[in-house]
Amino acid sequence: MAALEDELLDLVAEEALIDRAKLVREATLEDVGLDSVDVVSIVFAIEEKYGAEIAEDAFKNTLNLGEFVDTLKGLIEAKQA
């Protein structure tokens, strides 16, 4: 679902006010400038847009942006199933 991944990256860029071109899968959240406030904002936006519930600890083992997006995709896809 490349389209969903693109949507999520667009949403991350919009919510965190980050240049979309900087959002590559290999970058850490810190590398692209995402802090905990940004993550909360992104989570709220995703919950509102997709109706998915995201637990507070959903990203505790997330090492990079790719894993962050994969976690979000998994939660959204599970909600839609």
N, C-alpha and C. Protein backbone atom coordinates (compact mmCIF):
# COMPACT_ATOMS: atom_id res chain seq x y z
N MET A 1 0.83 -1.20 0.00
CA MET A 1 0.00 0.00 0.00
C MET A 1 0.87 1.25 0.00
N ALA A 2 1.54 1.48 -1.10
CA ALA A 2 2.42 2.65 -1.21
C ALA A 2 1.62 3.95 -1.07
N ALA A 3 0.38 3.94 -1.53
CA ALA A 3 -0.45 5.14 -1.44
C ALA A 3 -0.68 5.52 0.02
N LEU A 4 -0.95 4.56 0.87
CA LEU A 4 -1.16 4.83 2.28
C LEU A 4 0.12 5.38 2.91
N GLU A 5 1.25 4.79 2.56
CA GLU A 5 2.52 5.28 3.11
C GLU A 5 2.76 6.73 2.68
N ASP A 6 2.49 7.05 1.44
CA ASP A 6 2.64 8.43 0.97
C ASP A 6 1.70 9.37 1.72
N GLU A 7 0.47 8.93 1.93
CA GLU A 7 -0.49 9.75 2.69
C GLU A 7 0.03 10.01 4.10
N LEU A 8 0.56 8.96 4.73
CA LEU A 8 1.06 9.11 6.09
C LEU A 8 2.27 10.04 6.14
N LEU A 9 3.16 9.92 5.20
CA LEU A 9 4.32 10.80 5.18
C LEU A 9 3.90 12.25 4.91
N ASP A 10 2.92 12.44 4.05
CA ASP A 10 2.38 13.79 3.82
C ASP A 10 1.80 14.36 5.10
N LEU A 11 1.07 13.51 5.84
CA LEU A 11 0.47 13.94 7.09
C LEU A 11 1.54 14.28 8.13
N VAL A 12 2.58 13.46 8.20
CA VAL A 12 3.69 13.73 9.13
C VAL A 12 4.32 15.08 8.79
N ALA A 13 4.58 15.31 7.52
CA ALA A 13 5.19 16.58 7.09
C ALA A 13 4.30 17.77 7.45
N GLU A 14 3.01 17.61 7.21
CA GLU A 14 2.07 18.69 7.49
C GLU A 14 1.95 18.98 8.99
N GLU A 15 1.77 17.93 9.78
CA GLU A 15 1.57 18.11 11.23
C GLU A 15 2.83 18.62 11.93
N ALA A 16 4.00 18.16 11.48
CA ALA A 16 5.25 18.54 12.15
C ALA A 16 5.97 19.69 11.46
N LEU A 17 5.36 20.21 10.39
CA LEU A 17 5.95 21.32 9.64
C LEU A 17 7.38 21.00 9.20
N ILE A 18 7.51 19.83 8.57
CA ILE A 18 8.80 19.34 8.09
C ILE A 18 8.73 19.23 6.57
N ASP A 19 9.82 19.57 5.91
CA ASP A 19 9.91 19.42 4.46
C ASP A 19 9.72 17.95 4.12
N ARG A 20 8.74 17.66 3.26
CA ARG A 20 8.41 16.26 2.89
C ARG A 20 9.62 15.52 2.32
N ALA A 21 10.50 16.24 1.63
CA ALA A 21 11.67 15.62 1.01
C ALA A 21 12.64 15.05 2.04
N LYS A 22 12.59 15.54 3.27
CA LYS A 22 13.48 15.04 4.34
C LYS A 22 12.98 13.73 4.95
N LEU A 23 11.76 13.35 4.64
CA LEU A 23 11.16 12.18 5.28
C LEU A 23 11.50 10.92 4.50
N VAL A 24 12.61 10.32 4.86
CA VAL A 24 13.04 9.06 4.26
C VAL A 24 12.97 7.96 5.31
N ARG A 25 12.68 6.76 4.89
CA ARG A 25 12.46 5.64 5.82
C ARG A 25 13.63 5.40 6.77
N GLU A 26 14.85 5.62 6.32
CA GLU A 26 16.02 5.30 7.11
C GLU A 26 16.32 6.33 8.22
N ALA A 27 15.76 7.51 8.11
CA ALA A 27 16.04 8.58 9.07
C ALA A 27 15.39 8.28 10.42
N THR A 28 16.11 8.63 11.49
CA THR A 28 15.49 8.51 12.81
C THR A 28 14.51 9.66 12.98
N LEU A 29 13.61 9.51 13.92
CA LEU A 29 12.65 10.58 14.19
C LEU A 29 13.39 11.85 14.60
N GLU A 30 14.44 11.66 15.36
CA GLU A 30 15.26 12.79 15.80
C GLU A 30 15.92 13.48 14.60
N ASP A 31 16.42 12.68 13.65
CA ASP A 31 17.08 13.23 12.46
C ASP A 31 16.17 14.16 11.67
N VAL A 32 14.89 13.82 11.58
CA VAL A 32 13.97 14.65 10.80
C VAL A 32 13.31 15.73 11.64
N GLY A 33 13.60 15.75 12.94
CA GLY A 33 13.11 16.81 13.80
C GLY A 33 11.78 16.52 14.49
N LEU A 34 11.40 15.25 14.56
CA LEU A 34 10.16 14.90 15.26
C LEU A 34 10.42 14.75 16.75
N ASP A 35 9.68 15.50 17.55
CA ASP A 35 9.78 15.34 19.00
C ASP A 35 8.47 14.74 19.51
N SER A 36 8.37 14.57 20.80
CA SER A 36 7.20 13.90 21.36
C SER A 36 5.91 14.69 21.11
N VAL A 37 5.99 16.00 21.09
CA VAL A 37 4.81 16.82 20.81
C VAL A 37 4.34 16.58 19.37
N ASP A 38 5.30 16.51 18.44
CA ASP A 38 4.95 16.22 17.05
C ASP A 38 4.29 14.86 16.92
N VAL A 39 4.83 13.87 17.60
CA VAL A 39 4.28 12.51 17.53
C VAL A 39 2.84 12.50 18.04
N VAL A 40 2.58 13.19 19.14
CA VAL A 40 1.21 13.26 19.67
C VAL A 40 0.28 13.92 18.66
N SER A 41 0.73 15.01 18.05
CA SER A 41 -0.07 15.70 17.04
C SER A 41 -0.36 14.79 15.85
N ILE A 42 0.64 14.05 15.41
CA ILE A 42 0.49 13.12 14.29
C ILE A 42 -0.49 12.01 14.66
N VAL A 43 -0.35 11.46 15.86
CA VAL A 43 -1.24 10.40 16.32
C VAL A 43 -2.69 10.88 16.35
N PHE A 44 -2.92 12.07 16.89
CA PHE A 44 -4.29 12.61 16.93
C PHE A 44 -4.85 12.78 15.52
N ALA A 45 -4.04 13.30 14.62
CA ALA A 45 -4.49 13.51 13.24
C ALA A 45 -4.84 12.18 12.57
N ILE A 46 -4.04 11.16 12.82
CA ILE A 46 -4.30 9.84 12.22
C ILE A 46 -5.53 9.20 12.83
N GLU A 47 -5.68 9.32 14.14
CA GLU A 47 -6.88 8.76 14.79
C GLU A 47 -8.13 9.42 14.22
N GLU A 48 -8.07 10.72 14.01
CA GLU A 48 -9.22 11.45 13.48
C GLU A 48 -9.49 11.07 12.02
N LYS A 49 -8.45 11.02 11.21
CA LYS A 49 -8.62 10.76 9.78
C LYS A 49 -9.02 9.31 9.48
N TYR A 50 -8.39 8.36 10.18
CA TYR A 50 -8.58 6.95 9.84
C TYR A 50 -9.42 6.18 10.86
N GLY A 51 -9.74 6.79 12.00
CA GLY A 51 -10.53 6.11 13.00
C GLY A 51 -9.78 5.02 13.75
N ALA A 52 -8.47 5.00 13.62
CA ALA A 52 -7.66 3.98 14.30
C ALA A 52 -7.30 4.46 15.71
N GLU A 53 -7.31 3.53 16.65
CA GLU A 53 -6.89 3.86 18.01
C GLU A 53 -5.43 3.48 18.15
N ILE A 54 -4.64 4.41 18.65
CA ILE A 54 -3.20 4.19 18.76
C ILE A 54 -2.80 4.30 20.23
N ALA A 55 -2.27 3.22 20.77
CA ALA A 55 -1.86 3.17 22.17
C ALA A 55 -0.64 4.05 22.42
N GLU A 56 -0.51 4.52 23.64
CA GLU A 56 0.61 5.38 24.01
C GLU A 56 1.96 4.72 23.75
N ASP A 57 2.04 3.42 23.94
CA ASP A 57 3.32 2.73 23.81
C ASP A 57 3.53 2.10 22.43
N ALA A 58 2.73 2.49 21.45
CA ALA A 58 2.81 1.88 20.12
C ALA A 58 4.16 2.08 19.45
N PHE A 59 4.87 3.13 19.83
CA PHE A 59 6.13 3.45 19.16
C PHE A 59 7.36 3.27 20.05
N LYS A 60 7.21 2.54 21.15
CA LYS A 60 8.32 2.43 22.11
C LYS A 60 9.56 1.76 21.52
N ASN A 61 9.39 0.89 20.54
CA ASN A 61 10.54 0.21 19.94
C ASN A 61 10.87 0.74 18.54
N THR A 62 10.34 1.90 18.20
CA THR A 62 10.54 2.48 16.88
C THR A 62 11.92 3.11 16.79
N LEU A 63 12.68 2.69 15.79
CA LEU A 63 14.04 3.19 15.62
C LEU A 63 14.16 4.23 14.52
N ASN A 64 13.27 4.17 13.51
CA ASN A 64 13.39 5.12 12.41
C ASN A 64 12.01 5.44 11.84
N LEU A 65 11.99 6.34 10.89
CA LEU A 65 10.73 6.78 10.30
C LEU A 65 10.00 5.65 9.59
N GLY A 66 10.75 4.75 8.96
CA GLY A 66 10.13 3.61 8.29
C GLY A 66 9.34 2.75 9.26
N GLU A 67 9.91 2.47 10.42
CA GLU A 67 9.21 1.67 11.43
C GLU A 67 8.00 2.43 11.98
N PHE A 68 8.14 3.73 12.15
CA PHE A 68 7.05 4.58 12.62
C PHE A 68 5.87 4.48 11.65
N VAL A 69 6.15 4.63 10.36
CA VAL A 69 5.11 4.57 9.34
C VAL A 69 4.53 3.16 9.24
N ASP A 70 5.39 2.14 9.33
CA ASP A 70 4.90 0.76 9.27
C ASP A 70 3.95 0.47 10.43
N THR A 71 4.26 0.98 11.61
CA THR A 71 3.38 0.79 12.76
C THR A 71 2.03 1.46 12.52
N LEU A 72 2.08 2.69 12.01
CA LEU A 72 0.83 3.40 11.71
C LEU A 72 0.02 2.65 10.66
N LYS A 73 0.68 2.21 9.60
CA LYS A 73 -0.02 1.46 8.54
C LYS A 73 -0.68 0.21 9.11
N GLY A 74 0.04 -0.51 9.96
CA GLY A 74 -0.52 -1.72 10.56
C GLY A 74 -1.75 -1.45 11.38
N LEU A 75 -1.74 -0.37 12.14
CA LEU A 75 -2.90 -0.03 12.97
C LEU A 75 -4.08 0.40 12.11
N ILE A 76 -3.82 1.17 11.07
CA ILE A 76 -4.88 1.60 10.17
C ILE A 76 -5.48 0.42 9.42
N GLU A 77 -4.61 -0.44 8.90
CA GLU A 77 -5.08 -1.61 8.14
C GLU A 77 -5.87 -2.56 9.04
N ALA A 78 -5.46 -2.72 10.29
CA ALA A 78 -6.20 -3.57 11.22
C ALA A 78 -7.59 -3.00 11.49
N LYS A 79 -7.68 -1.70 11.57
CA LYS A 79 -8.97 -1.04 11.81
C LYS A 79 -9.90 -1.22 10.61
N GLN A 80 -9.31 -1.19 9.39
CA GLN A 80 -10.10 -1.29 8.18
C GLN A 80 -10.51 -2.72 7.85
N ALA A 81 -9.85 -3.70 8.48
CA ALA A 81 -10.14 -5.11 8.18
C ALA A 81 -11.43 -5.57 8.81
